Amino acid sequence: MSIPVIPVRVVKKIAETTDICTFELAEIDGAKLPSFSPGSHIDVHIGKDLVRQYSLCNNSSETHRYLIGVLRDPNSRGGSRAMHDNINENDVINISVPKNHFPLLDNAKRSLLLAGGIGVTPILCMAERLALIGSDVEMHYSASSPARMAFRQRISASTFANRVHFHFDDGNKQQKLNLDDLLRTPGQDVHLYVCGPKGFMDVVLATARKSGWQEAQLHYEFFSAEVVKTDRDTAFQVMLARSGRIIDVSPNTTVTKALAAAGIDIPVSCEQGICGTCLTHVVEGVPDHRDMYLTDEEKAQNDQFTPCCSRSCSPILVLDLD
C-alpha cells in the first residue's frame, strides 16, 4: 500500500543552535503547498525505508513553504543524523501532506503552552496563532542552556514576547520552571499544551493530573517512545479477515514485520507507536496496546491497534486485511 508523497526542495538549511537545524521546504515548481493547522507534522522520507515525523513550525497561514526543526539526537535511530549529515540545500526529498494529531483549540479562554527543547516546534506555531487571534496565551520554554535554545530571537521579536518565559537547566534557581506553582490551579476552560522529551512531558502531565487538571484540558504530543518488550512476550497469530489467511507472530518480532515477511505490507513510519501511520482495524481479539498514539478510551474499545509495536493478549487477533 503506497502513501502519496509531495516532492519538495530544501530551500534553506540553517544551524539554529549547536545541535538543531531548520529546513525550509518548498514545492519544486513553486506551487502552493497544502494548508496546515498549528500542531501539524509531516512525514519526511529521508532515505530508503527511513521515514520520520517533524512538526511544522512556521506560521500556519503560509502556503509557500514548510519549516521544520530537527534535533541531532545522540540516540538517533538514523533519522536525525541523516537529516543533519545528508540533507542539504537544493536537495529534493519527498514528504507527506500535513497531519495533525496535536490540534489547537483556538477558542479556549486561556492557553498555557509548555515546550521542552525541540518540543518548541509545534508550540511556537500555536503561540503565533493564538497571538494573531488575540487569545490569552502564556508560554514557557525550557532548555538545557541558551546555546541549545532554538528560535529565541524569533520569539523575542514576536508580538507575544512579553508572555514567554525562558527556563535553563544551567541557570539560577529563580528562573527555573516551577511546575507545582504554575499548574496549581487548573482554571475553568484553561487548556495545557506540552511537547518535548518524554521525561519532561511525563513530569508536566503527572503534575497537572495531581493538581486536578482534567484529561480534556491536557493536550500533548510525544516525539519518541521506547518500544515496550517484556520477558512475557509470547507467540500469537493474526488472521486476515478477508482471506482467512493466518500469520504466525513470534515473541521476537512485530506484527508489521511478520506480515511483511508474508508479503503483506502495512504503511509504517515511526515504528514506535506515536504517529498512527500503521493503525489497523481489529475485527476480533484483544490487542496488547503499547502505543502512545491512541487515547485510553480508544484503546479500551479494542477495535484498532498499532501493529508496529503492539501485540495481542488473545491467542489470535483478526485484522481487517486481505
C-alpha atoms as a PDB file:
ATOM      1  CA  MET A   1       0.000   0.000   0.000  1.00  0.00           C
ATOM      2  CA  SER A   2       1.607   3.271  -1.079  1.00  0.00           C
ATOM      3  CA  ILE A   3       1.053   6.665   0.509  1.00  0.00           C
ATOM      4  CA  PRO A   4       1.043   9.765  -1.753  1.00  0.00           C
ATOM      5  CA  VAL A   5       4.096  11.974  -1.364  1.00  0.00           C
ATOM      6  CA  ILE A   6       4.993  15.544  -2.308  1.00  0.00           C
ATOM      7  CA  PRO A   7       8.448  16.237  -3.770  1.00  0.00           C
ATOM      8  CA  VAL A   8       9.912  19.398  -2.226  1.00  0.00           C
ATOM      9  CA  ARG A   9      13.194  21.250  -2.460  1.00  0.00           C
ATOM     10  CA  VAL A  10      15.297  22.206   0.548  1.00  0.00           C
ATOM     11  CA  VAL A  11      15.406  25.976   0.077  1.00  0.00           C
ATOM     12  CA  LYS A  12      17.351  26.737   3.250  1.00  0.00           C
ATOM     13  CA  LYS A  13      19.191  24.739   5.881  1.00  0.00           C
ATOM     14  CA  ILE A  14      20.170  26.794   8.915  1.00  0.00           C
ATOM     15  CA  ALA A  15      22.027  25.787  12.090  1.00  0.00           C
ATOM     16  CA  GLU A  16      19.806  27.335  14.771  1.00  0.00           C
ATOM     17  CA  THR A  17      21.846  26.009  17.699  1.00  0.00           C
ATOM     18  CA  THR A  18      24.752  23.665  18.274  1.00  0.00           C
ATOM     19  CA  ASP A  19      22.522  20.653  17.593  1.00  0.00           C
ATOM     20  CA  ILE A  20      19.333  21.924  15.904  1.00  0.00           C
ATOM     21  CA  CYS A  21      18.944  22.683  12.205  1.00  0.00           C
ATOM     22  CA  THR A  22      15.911  24.119  10.484  1.00  0.00           C
ATOM     23  CA  PHE A  23      14.957  23.073   6.968  1.00  0.00           C
ATOM     24  CA  GLU A  24      12.790  25.303   4.788  1.00  0.00           C
ATOM     25  CA  LEU A  25      10.927  23.244   2.190  1.00  0.00           C
ATOM     26  CA  ALA A  26       9.073  24.456  -0.914  1.00  0.00           C
ATOM     27  CA  GLU A  27       7.316  22.879  -3.900  1.00  0.00           C
ATOM     28  CA  ILE A  28       9.870  22.264  -6.648  1.00  0.00           C
ATOM     29  CA  ASP A  29       7.723  24.137  -9.199  1.00  0.00           C
ATOM     30  CA  GLY A  30       6.779  26.990  -6.861  1.00  0.00           C
ATOM     31  CA  ALA A  31       3.180  25.842  -6.410  1.00  0.00           C
ATOM     32  CA  LYS A  32       1.298  26.255  -3.152  1.00  0.00           C
ATOM     33  CA  LEU A  33       1.709  23.583  -0.513  1.00  0.00           C
ATOM     34  CA  PRO A  34      -1.293  22.001   1.228  1.00  0.00           C
ATOM     35  CA  SER A  35      -2.555  24.122   4.102  1.00  0.00           C
ATOM     36  CA  PHE A  36      -1.928  23.072   7.692  1.00  0.00           C
ATOM     37  CA  SER A  37      -3.021  23.965  11.192  1.00  0.00           C
ATOM     38  CA  PRO A  38      -0.934  24.558  14.350  1.00  0.00           C
ATOM     39  CA  GLY A  39       0.301  21.258  15.785  1.00  0.00           C
ATOM     40  CA  SER A  40       0.631  19.599  12.379  1.00  0.00           C
ATOM     41  CA  HIS A  41       3.564  17.452  11.306  1.00  0.00           C
ATOM     42  CA  ILE A  42       4.807  15.944   8.071  1.00  0.00           C
ATOM     43  CA  ASP A  43       6.445  12.616   7.303  1.00  0.00           C
ATOM     44  CA  VAL A  44       9.872  13.191   5.759  1.00  0.00           C
ATOM     45  CA  HIS A  45      11.302  10.455   3.543  1.00  0.00           C
ATOM     46  CA  ILE A  46      14.982  10.727   4.346  1.00  0.00           C
ATOM     47  CA  GLY A  47      16.214   7.617   2.574  1.00  0.00           C
ATOM     48  CA  LYS A  48      15.199   4.109   1.632  1.00  0.00           C
ATOM     49  CA  ASP A  49      12.829   2.798   4.304  1.00  0.00           C
ATOM     50  CA  LEU A  50      13.704   5.758   6.536  1.00  0.00           C
ATOM     51  CA  VAL A  51      10.731   7.992   7.337  1.00  0.00           C
ATOM     52  CA  ARG A  52      10.484  10.369  10.275  1.00  0.00           C
ATOM     53  CA  GLN A  53       7.908  12.871  11.542  1.00  0.00           C
ATOM     54  CA  TYR A  54       8.739  16.534  12.129  1.00  0.00           C
ATOM     55  CA  SER A  55       6.411  19.261  13.358  1.00  0.00           C
ATOM     56  CA  LEU A  56       5.781  22.306  11.189  1.00  0.00           C
ATOM     57  CA  CYS A  57       6.977  25.422  12.981  1.00  0.00           C
ATOM     58  CA  ASN A  58       6.283  28.238  10.533  1.00  0.00           C
ATOM     59  CA  ASN A  59       3.164  30.400  10.502  1.00  0.00           C
ATOM     60  CA  SER A  60       0.196  28.184   9.664  1.00  0.00           C
ATOM     61  CA  SER A  61      -1.151  30.805   7.236  1.00  0.00           C
ATOM     62  CA  GLU A  62       1.834  30.284   4.915  1.00  0.00           C
ATOM     63  CA  THR A  63       1.340  28.130   1.840  1.00  0.00           C
ATOM     64  CA  HIS A  64       4.629  28.774   0.023  1.00  0.00           C
ATOM     65  CA  ARG A  65       6.826  26.857   2.461  1.00  0.00           C
ATOM     66  CA  TYR A  66       7.083  24.429   5.336  1.00  0.00           C
ATOM     67  CA  LEU A  67       9.650  24.886   8.118  1.00  0.00           C
ATOM     68  CA  ILE A  68      10.810  22.021  10.320  1.00  0.00           C
ATOM     69  CA  GLY A  69      13.361  21.900  13.114  1.00  0.00           C
ATOM     70  CA  VAL A  70      15.481  18.780  13.600  1.00  0.00           C
ATOM     71  CA  LEU A  71      17.489  17.947  16.702  1.00  0.00           C
ATOM     72  CA  ARG A  72      20.595  15.836  16.202  1.00  0.00           C
ATOM     73  CA  ASP A  73      19.711  13.148  18.709  1.00  0.00           C
ATOM     74  CA  PRO A  74      22.698  11.259  20.179  1.00  0.00           C
ATOM     75  CA  ASN A  75      20.373   8.246  20.478  1.00  0.00           C
ATOM     76  CA  SER A  76      19.181   8.630  16.894  1.00  0.00           C
ATOM     77  CA  ARG A  77      17.911   5.546  15.083  1.00  0.00           C
ATOM     78  CA  GLY A  78      19.316   7.140  11.940  1.00  0.00           C
ATOM     79  CA  GLY A  79      16.748   9.803  11.067  1.00  0.00           C
ATOM     80  CA  SER A  80      18.039  12.955  12.728  1.00  0.00           C
ATOM     81  CA  ARG A  81      21.647  12.079  11.956  1.00  0.00           C
ATOM     82  CA  ALA A  82      20.785  11.597   8.272  1.00  0.00           C
ATOM     83  CA  MET A  83      18.898  14.904   8.171  1.00  0.00           C
ATOM     84  CA  HIS A  84      21.884  16.772   9.604  1.00  0.00           C
ATOM     85  CA  ASP A  85      24.602  14.987   7.639  1.00  0.00           C
ATOM     86  CA  ASN A  86      22.995  14.032   4.334  1.00  0.00           C
ATOM     87  CA  ILE A  87      20.224  16.528   3.529  1.00  0.00           C
ATOM     88  CA  ASN A  88      21.438  19.854   2.151  1.00  0.00           C
ATOM     89  CA  GLU A  89      20.157  22.959   0.394  1.00  0.00           C
ATOM     90  CA  ASN A  90      18.779  22.304  -3.119  1.00  0.00           C
ATOM     91  CA  ASP A  91      18.218  18.604  -2.382  1.00  0.00           C
ATOM     92  CA  VAL A  92      14.818  17.246  -3.396  1.00  0.00           C
ATOM     93  CA  ILE A  93      13.093  14.997  -0.877  1.00  0.00           C
ATOM     94  CA  ASN A  94       9.618  13.524  -0.507  1.00  0.00           C
ATOM     95  CA  ILE A  95       7.206  14.470   2.254  1.00  0.00           C
ATOM     96  CA  SER A  96       3.622  13.642   3.163  1.00  0.00           C
ATOM     97  CA  VAL A  97       0.720  16.033   3.338  1.00  0.00           C
ATOM     98  CA  PRO A  98       0.443  17.605   6.814  1.00  0.00           C
ATOM     99  CA  LYS A  99      -1.273  15.571   9.525  1.00  0.00           C
ATOM    100  CA  ASN A 100      -2.445  16.863  12.869  1.00  0.00           C
ATOM    101  CA  HIS A 101      -2.608  14.636  15.952  1.00  0.00           C
ATOM    102  CA  PHE A 102      -1.951  17.619  18.255  1.00  0.00           C
ATOM    103  CA  PRO A 103      -4.665  20.123  17.321  1.00  0.00           C
ATOM    104  CA  LEU A 104      -5.027  23.545  18.909  1.00  0.00           C
ATOM    105  CA  LEU A 105      -8.345  24.686  20.371  1.00  0.00           C
ATOM    106  CA  ASP A 106      -8.232  28.351  19.477  1.00  0.00           C
ATOM    107  CA  ASN A 107     -11.497  29.169  21.281  1.00  0.00           C
ATOM    108  CA  ALA A 108     -10.247  28.347  24.790  1.00  0.00           C
ATOM    109  CA  LYS A 109     -10.493  31.025  27.449  1.00  0.00           C
ATOM    110  CA  ARG A 110      -6.765  30.676  28.120  1.00  0.00           C
ATOM    111  CA  SER A 111      -3.959  28.517  26.750  1.00  0.00           C
ATOM    112  CA  LEU A 112      -0.821  27.506  28.637  1.00  0.00           C
ATOM    113  CA  LEU A 113       1.970  26.301  26.331  1.00  0.00           C
ATOM    114  CA  LEU A 114       4.952  24.343  27.667  1.00  0.00           C
ATOM    115  CA  ALA A 115       7.900  23.418  25.453  1.00  0.00           C
ATOM    116  CA  GLY A 116      10.963  21.388  26.325  1.00  0.00           C
ATOM    117  CA  GLY A 117      13.906  21.519  23.917  1.00  0.00           C
ATOM    118  CA  ILE A 118      12.962  20.612  20.354  1.00  0.00           C
ATOM    119  CA  GLY A 119       9.341  20.346  21.529  1.00  0.00           C
ATOM    120  CA  VAL A 120       9.158  24.079  20.850  1.00  0.00           C
ATOM    121  CA  THR A 121       8.467  23.412  17.150  1.00  0.00           C
ATOM    122  CA  PRO A 122       4.701  22.785  17.372  1.00  0.00           C
ATOM    123  CA  ILE A 123       4.338  25.011  20.451  1.00  0.00           C
ATOM    124  CA  LEU A 124       5.787  28.037  18.644  1.00  0.00           C
ATOM    125  CA  CYS A 125       3.317  27.629  15.783  1.00  0.00           C
ATOM    126  CA  MET A 126       0.491  27.503  18.343  1.00  0.00           C
ATOM    127  CA  ALA A 127       1.724  30.611  20.157  1.00  0.00           C
ATOM    128  CA  GLU A 128       1.843  32.603  16.937  1.00  0.00           C
ATOM    129  CA  ARG A 129      -1.693  31.564  16.011  1.00  0.00           C
ATOM    130  CA  LEU A 130      -3.113  32.394  19.444  1.00  0.00           C
ATOM    131  CA  ALA A 131      -1.381  35.778  19.473  1.00  0.00           C
ATOM    132  CA  LEU A 132      -2.698  36.518  15.981  1.00  0.00           C
ATOM    133  CA  ILE A 133      -6.318  35.954  17.014  1.00  0.00           C
ATOM    134  CA  GLY A 134      -5.918  37.836  20.300  1.00  0.00           C
ATOM    135  CA  SER A 135      -6.253  34.855  22.648  1.00  0.00           C
ATOM    136  CA  ASP A 136      -4.971  34.774  26.216  1.00  0.00           C
ATOM    137  CA  VAL A 137      -1.757  32.742  25.954  1.00  0.00           C
ATOM    138  CA  GLU A 138       1.254  32.096  28.172  1.00  0.00           C
ATOM    139  CA  MET A 139       4.292  30.137  27.019  1.00  0.00           C
ATOM    140  CA  HIS A 140       7.113  28.517  28.976  1.00  0.00           C
ATOM    141  CA  TYR A 141      10.171  27.291  27.087  1.00  0.00           C
ATOM    142  CA  SER A 142      12.776  25.120  28.824  1.00  0.00           C
ATOM    143  CA  ALA A 143      16.198  24.131  27.506  1.00  0.00           C
ATOM    144  CA  SER A 144      19.466  22.903  28.923  1.00  0.00           C
ATOM    145  CA  SER A 145      21.218  26.203  28.132  1.00  0.00           C
ATOM    146  CA  PRO A 146      20.772  29.340  25.998  1.00  0.00           C
ATOM    147  CA  ALA A 147      23.123  27.860  23.378  1.00  0.00           C
ATOM    148  CA  ARG A 148      20.676  24.994  22.846  1.00  0.00           C
ATOM    149  CA  MET A 149      17.513  27.102  22.644  1.00  0.00           C
ATOM    150  CA  ALA A 150      16.235  27.407  19.073  1.00  0.00           C
ATOM    151  CA  PHE A 151      14.071  30.314  17.842  1.00  0.00           C
ATOM    152  CA  ARG A 152      14.876  32.561  20.804  1.00  0.00           C
ATOM    153  CA  GLN A 153      15.451  35.575  18.549  1.00  0.00           C
ATOM    154  CA  ARG A 154      12.229  34.896  16.642  1.00  0.00           C
ATOM    155  CA  ILE A 155      10.277  34.643  19.884  1.00  0.00           C
ATOM    156  CA  SER A 156      11.860  37.779  21.336  1.00  0.00           C
ATOM    157  CA  ALA A 157      10.816  39.738  18.232  1.00  0.00           C
ATOM    158  CA  SER A 158       7.242  38.425  18.292  1.00  0.00           C
ATOM    159  CA  THR A 159       4.082  40.213  19.380  1.00  0.00           C
ATOM    160  CA  PHE A 160       3.714  37.790  22.282  1.00  0.00           C
ATOM    161  CA  ALA A 161       7.295  38.068  23.573  1.00  0.00           C
ATOM    162  CA  ASN A 162       6.153  39.514  26.910  1.00  0.00           C
ATOM    163  CA  ARG A 163       4.100  36.360  27.525  1.00  0.00           C
ATOM    164  CA  VAL A 164       7.020  33.951  27.071  1.00  0.00           C
ATOM    165  CA  HIS A 165       9.189  32.712  29.940  1.00  0.00           C
ATOM    166  CA  PHE A 166      12.581  31.113  29.266  1.00  0.00           C
ATOM    167  CA  HIS A 167      13.999  28.494  31.626  1.00  0.00           C
ATOM    168  CA  PHE A 168      17.509  26.998  31.565  1.00  0.00           C
ATOM    169  CA  ASP A 169      18.835  23.954  33.372  1.00  0.00           C
ATOM    170  CA  ASP A 170      22.185  25.706  33.849  1.00  0.00           C
ATOM    171  CA  GLY A 171      20.606  28.959  35.085  1.00  0.00           C
ATOM    172  CA  ASN A 172      19.942  30.179  38.603  1.00  0.00           C
ATOM    173  CA  LYS A 173      17.206  28.670  40.730  1.00  0.00           C
ATOM    174  CA  GLN A 174      14.891  31.678  40.473  1.00  0.00           C
ATOM    175  CA  GLN A 175      14.380  31.310  36.716  1.00  0.00           C
ATOM    176  CA  LYS A 176      13.784  27.549  36.656  1.00  0.00           C
ATOM    177  CA  LEU A 177      10.377  26.153  35.756  1.00  0.00           C
ATOM    178  CA  ASN A 178       8.274  25.632  38.889  1.00  0.00           C
ATOM    179  CA  LEU A 179       5.546  23.264  37.764  1.00  0.00           C
ATOM    180  CA  ASP A 180       3.888  22.971  41.159  1.00  0.00           C
ATOM    181  CA  ASP A 181       3.244  26.719  41.231  1.00  0.00           C
ATOM    182  CA  LEU A 182       2.407  27.036  37.539  1.00  0.00           C
ATOM    183  CA  LEU A 183      -0.109  24.178  37.473  1.00  0.00           C
ATOM    184  CA  ARG A 184      -1.521  24.527  40.981  1.00  0.00           C
ATOM    185  CA  THR A 185      -4.907  25.870  39.809  1.00  0.00           C
ATOM    186  CA  PRO A 186      -6.349  24.322  36.635  1.00  0.00           C
ATOM    187  CA  GLY A 187      -8.838  27.117  35.990  1.00  0.00           C
ATOM    188  CA  GLN A 188     -12.063  26.793  34.060  1.00  0.00           C
ATOM    189  CA  ASP A 189     -11.683  26.493  30.272  1.00  0.00           C
ATOM    190  CA  VAL A 190      -7.895  26.671  30.524  1.00  0.00           C
ATOM    191  CA  HIS A 191      -6.024  24.266  28.242  1.00  0.00           C
ATOM    192  CA  LEU A 192      -2.478  22.984  28.663  1.00  0.00           C
ATOM    193  CA  TYR A 193      -0.307  22.023  25.684  1.00  0.00           C
ATOM    194  CA  VAL A 194       3.036  20.308  26.202  1.00  0.00           C
ATOM    195  CA  CYS A 195       5.681  18.886  23.893  1.00  0.00           C
ATOM    196  CA  GLY A 196       9.289  17.865  24.412  1.00  0.00           C
ATOM    197  CA  PRO A 197      11.418  14.974  25.648  1.00  0.00           C
ATOM    198  CA  LYS A 198       9.417  12.170  27.228  1.00  0.00           C
ATOM    199  CA  GLY A 199      10.831  12.759  30.716  1.00  0.00           C
ATOM    200  CA  PHE A 200       9.865  16.445  30.589  1.00  0.00           C
ATOM    201  CA  MET A 201       6.364  15.625  29.372  1.00  0.00           C
ATOM    202  CA  ASP A 202       5.840  12.867  31.934  1.00  0.00           C
ATOM    203  CA  VAL A 203       6.636  15.282  34.772  1.00  0.00           C
ATOM    204  CA  VAL A 204       4.406  18.034  33.360  1.00  0.00           C
ATOM    205  CA  LEU A 205       1.440  15.737  32.834  1.00  0.00           C
ATOM    206  CA  ALA A 206       1.853  13.988  36.189  1.00  0.00           C
ATOM    207  CA  THR A 207       1.994  17.351  37.994  1.00  0.00           C
ATOM    208  CA  ALA A 208      -1.081  18.605  36.146  1.00  0.00           C
ATOM    209  CA  ARG A 209      -3.096  15.484  36.941  1.00  0.00           C
ATOM    210  CA  LYS A 210      -2.036  15.610  40.573  1.00  0.00           C
ATOM    211  CA  SER A 211      -3.206  19.224  40.705  1.00  0.00           C
ATOM    212  CA  GLY A 212      -6.663  18.345  39.393  1.00  0.00           C
ATOM    213  CA  TRP A 213      -6.408  19.104  35.681  1.00  0.00           C
ATOM    214  CA  GLN A 214      -8.949  17.102  33.699  1.00  0.00           C
ATOM    215  CA  GLU A 215      -7.850  14.972  30.751  1.00  0.00           C
ATOM    216  CA  ALA A 216      -9.898  17.130  28.388  1.00  0.00           C
ATOM    217  CA  GLN A 217      -7.681  20.084  29.369  1.00  0.00           C
ATOM    218  CA  LEU A 218      -4.418  18.273  28.590  1.00  0.00           C
ATOM    219  CA  HIS A 219      -3.000  18.181  25.067  1.00  0.00           C
ATOM    220  CA  TYR A 220       0.350  16.631  24.212  1.00  0.00           C
ATOM    221  CA  GLU A 221       2.468  15.017  21.522  1.00  0.00           C
ATOM    222  CA  PHE A 222       5.382  12.666  22.065  1.00  0.00           C
ATOM    223  CA  PHE A 223       8.299  12.780  19.624  1.00  0.00           C
ATOM    224  CA  SER A 224       9.555   9.345  20.538  1.00  0.00           C
ATOM    225  CA  ALA A 225       8.749   6.371  22.687  1.00  0.00           C
ATOM    226  CA  GLU A 226      10.564   3.326  23.970  1.00  0.00           C
ATOM    227  CA  VAL A 227       9.091   0.224  22.397  1.00  0.00           C
ATOM    228  CA  VAL A 228       7.998  -1.998  25.271  1.00  0.00           C
ATOM    229  CA  LYS A 229       9.379  -5.537  25.323  1.00  0.00           C
ATOM    230  CA  THR A 230       8.938  -7.931  28.208  1.00  0.00           C
ATOM    231  CA  ASP A 231      10.018 -11.448  29.089  1.00  0.00           C
ATOM    232  CA  ARG A 232       6.324 -12.332  28.980  1.00  0.00           C
ATOM    233  CA  ASP A 233       6.026 -11.677  25.253  1.00  0.00           C
ATOM    234  CA  THR A 234       4.638 -14.823  23.656  1.00  0.00           C
ATOM    235  CA  ALA A 235       3.849 -16.019  20.172  1.00  0.00           C
ATOM    236  CA  PHE A 236       0.372 -15.442  18.754  1.00  0.00           C
ATOM    237  CA  GLN A 237      -1.374 -15.454  15.400  1.00  0.00           C
ATOM    238  CA  VAL A 238      -3.091 -12.855  13.285  1.00  0.00           C
ATOM    239  CA  MET A 239      -5.843 -13.785  10.873  1.00  0.00           C
ATOM    240  CA  LEU A 240      -6.615 -11.694   7.805  1.00  0.00           C
ATOM    241  CA  ALA A 241     -10.392 -11.315   7.954  1.00  0.00           C
ATOM    242  CA  ARG A 242     -10.985 -11.024   4.213  1.00  0.00           C
ATOM    243  CA  SER A 243      -8.938 -14.016   3.120  1.00  0.00           C
ATOM    244  CA  GLY A 244      -8.865 -16.169   6.251  1.00  0.00           C
ATOM    245  CA  ARG A 245      -5.090 -16.407   5.996  1.00  0.00           C
ATOM    246  CA  ILE A 246      -3.245 -16.957   9.283  1.00  0.00           C
ATOM    247  CA  ILE A 247       0.178 -15.478  10.046  1.00  0.00           C
ATOM    248  CA  ASP A 248       2.367 -16.513  12.978  1.00  0.00           C
ATOM    249  CA  VAL A 249       3.953 -13.764  15.078  1.00  0.00           C
ATOM    250  CA  SER A 250       6.931 -14.920  17.136  1.00  0.00           C
ATOM    251  CA  PRO A 251       7.852 -13.423  20.533  1.00  0.00           C
ATOM    252  CA  ASN A 252      10.799 -11.562  18.993  1.00  0.00           C
ATOM    253  CA  THR A 253       9.136  -9.906  16.015  1.00  0.00           C
ATOM    254  CA  THR A 254       6.463  -7.285  15.436  1.00  0.00           C
ATOM    255  CA  VAL A 255       3.165  -7.787  13.671  1.00  0.00           C
ATOM    256  CA  THR A 256       4.233  -5.491  10.828  1.00  0.00           C
ATOM    257  CA  LYS A 257       7.431  -7.473  10.271  1.00  0.00           C
ATOM    258  CA  ALA A 258       5.597 -10.791  10.404  1.00  0.00           C
ATOM    259  CA  LEU A 259       3.072  -9.509   7.865  1.00  0.00           C
ATOM    260  CA  ALA A 260       5.820  -8.083   5.637  1.00  0.00           C
ATOM    261  CA  ALA A 261       7.600 -11.451   5.638  1.00  0.00           C
ATOM    262  CA  ALA A 262       4.340 -12.969   4.420  1.00  0.00           C
ATOM    263  CA  GLY A 263       4.100 -10.423   1.588  1.00  0.00           C
ATOM    264  CA  ILE A 264       1.597  -8.113   3.284  1.00  0.00           C
ATOM    265  CA  ASP A 265       2.802  -4.521   3.558  1.00  0.00           C
ATOM    266  CA  ILE A 266       1.294  -2.064   6.008  1.00  0.00           C
ATOM    267  CA  PRO A 267       2.460   1.575   5.831  1.00  0.00           C
ATOM    268  CA  VAL A 268       4.813   2.295   8.731  1.00  0.00           C
ATOM    269  CA  SER A 269       6.738   5.362   9.724  1.00  0.00           C
ATOM    270  CA  CYS A 270       7.864   5.881  13.322  1.00  0.00           C
ATOM    271  CA  GLU A 271       7.775   2.161  14.308  1.00  0.00           C
ATOM    272  CA  GLN A 272       7.335   3.321  17.919  1.00  0.00           C
ATOM    273  CA  GLY A 273       3.575   3.708  18.164  1.00  0.00           C
ATOM    274  CA  ILE A 274       3.489   7.502  18.149  1.00  0.00           C
ATOM    275  CA  CYS A 275       2.423   8.519  14.632  1.00  0.00           C
ATOM    276  CA  GLY A 276      -0.582   6.314  13.804  1.00  0.00           C
ATOM    277  CA  THR A 277       0.546   5.602  10.234  1.00  0.00           C
ATOM    278  CA  CYS A 278       0.135   1.844  10.651  1.00  0.00           C
ATOM    279  CA  LEU A 279      -3.176   1.981  12.546  1.00  0.00           C
ATOM    280  CA  THR A 280      -5.145  -1.167  11.671  1.00  0.00           C
ATOM    281  CA  HIS A 281      -8.756  -2.175  12.352  1.00  0.00           C
ATOM    282  CA  VAL A 282      -9.242  -5.152  14.680  1.00  0.00           C
ATOM    283  CA  VAL A 283     -12.251  -7.395  13.959  1.00  0.00           C
ATOM    284  CA  GLU A 284     -11.815  -9.905  16.804  1.00  0.00           C
ATOM    285  CA  GLY A 285      -9.433 -10.466  19.688  1.00  0.00           C
ATOM    286  CA  VAL A 286      -7.890  -8.242  22.345  1.00  0.00           C
ATOM    287  CA  PRO A 287      -4.824  -6.168  21.409  1.00  0.00           C
ATOM    288  CA  ASP A 288      -1.988  -5.582  23.843  1.00  0.00           C
ATOM    289  CA  HIS A 289      -1.724  -1.835  23.298  1.00  0.00           C
ATOM    290  CA  ARG A 290       1.811  -0.484  23.627  1.00  0.00           C
ATOM    291  CA  ASP A 291       1.492   2.731  21.654  1.00  0.00           C
ATOM    292  CA  MET A 292       1.308   6.375  22.656  1.00  0.00           C
ATOM    293  CA  TYR A 293      -0.966   7.330  19.777  1.00  0.00           C
ATOM    294  CA  LEU A 294      -4.392   6.068  20.854  1.00  0.00           C
ATOM    295  CA  THR A 295      -6.172   7.565  23.837  1.00  0.00           C
ATOM    296  CA  ASP A 296      -7.103   5.366  26.798  1.00  0.00           C
ATOM    297  CA  GLU A 297     -10.717   5.496  25.642  1.00  0.00           C
ATOM    298  CA  GLU A 298      -9.769   4.375  22.130  1.00  0.00           C
ATOM    299  CA  LYS A 299      -7.625   1.562  23.488  1.00  0.00           C
ATOM    300  CA  ALA A 300     -10.495   0.339  25.665  1.00  0.00           C
ATOM    301  CA  GLN A 301     -12.645  -0.192  22.563  1.00  0.00           C
ATOM    302  CA  ASN A 302     -10.099  -2.719  21.227  1.00  0.00           C
ATOM    303  CA  ASP A 303     -11.213  -2.157  17.634  1.00  0.00           C
ATOM    304  CA  GLN A 304      -7.875  -0.836  16.335  1.00  0.00           C
ATOM    305  CA  PHE A 305      -4.203  -1.094  17.197  1.00  0.00           C
ATOM    306  CA  THR A 306      -0.703  -0.134  16.040  1.00  0.00           C
ATOM    307  CA  PRO A 307       0.965  -3.295  14.690  1.00  0.00           C
ATOM    308  CA  CYS A 308       4.403  -1.662  14.631  1.00  0.00           C
ATOM    309  CA  CYS A 309       4.732  -2.113  18.417  1.00  0.00           C
ATOM    310  CA  SER A 310       1.533  -3.506  19.928  1.00  0.00           C
ATOM    311  CA  ARG A 311       0.892  -7.207  20.340  1.00  0.00           C
ATOM    312  CA  SER A 312      -2.024  -9.439  21.336  1.00  0.00           C
ATOM    313  CA  CYS A 313      -3.498 -10.500  24.657  1.00  0.00           C
ATOM    314  CA  SER A 314      -5.502 -13.229  22.915  1.00  0.00           C
ATOM    315  CA  PRO A 315      -4.071 -16.251  21.042  1.00  0.00           C
ATOM    316  CA  ILE A 316      -5.373 -14.896  17.750  1.00  0.00           C
ATOM    317  CA  LEU A 317      -6.090 -11.385  16.510  1.00  0.00           C
ATOM    318  CA  VAL A 318      -8.337 -10.967  13.498  1.00  0.00           C
ATOM    319  CA  LEU A 319      -7.398  -7.948  11.400  1.00  0.00           C
ATOM    320  CA  ASP A 320      -9.402  -6.187   8.702  1.00  0.00           C
ATOM    321  CA  LEU A 321      -6.874  -7.021   5.978  1.00  0.00           C
ATOM    322  CA  ASP A 322      -6.818  -9.049   2.769  1.00  0.00           C
END
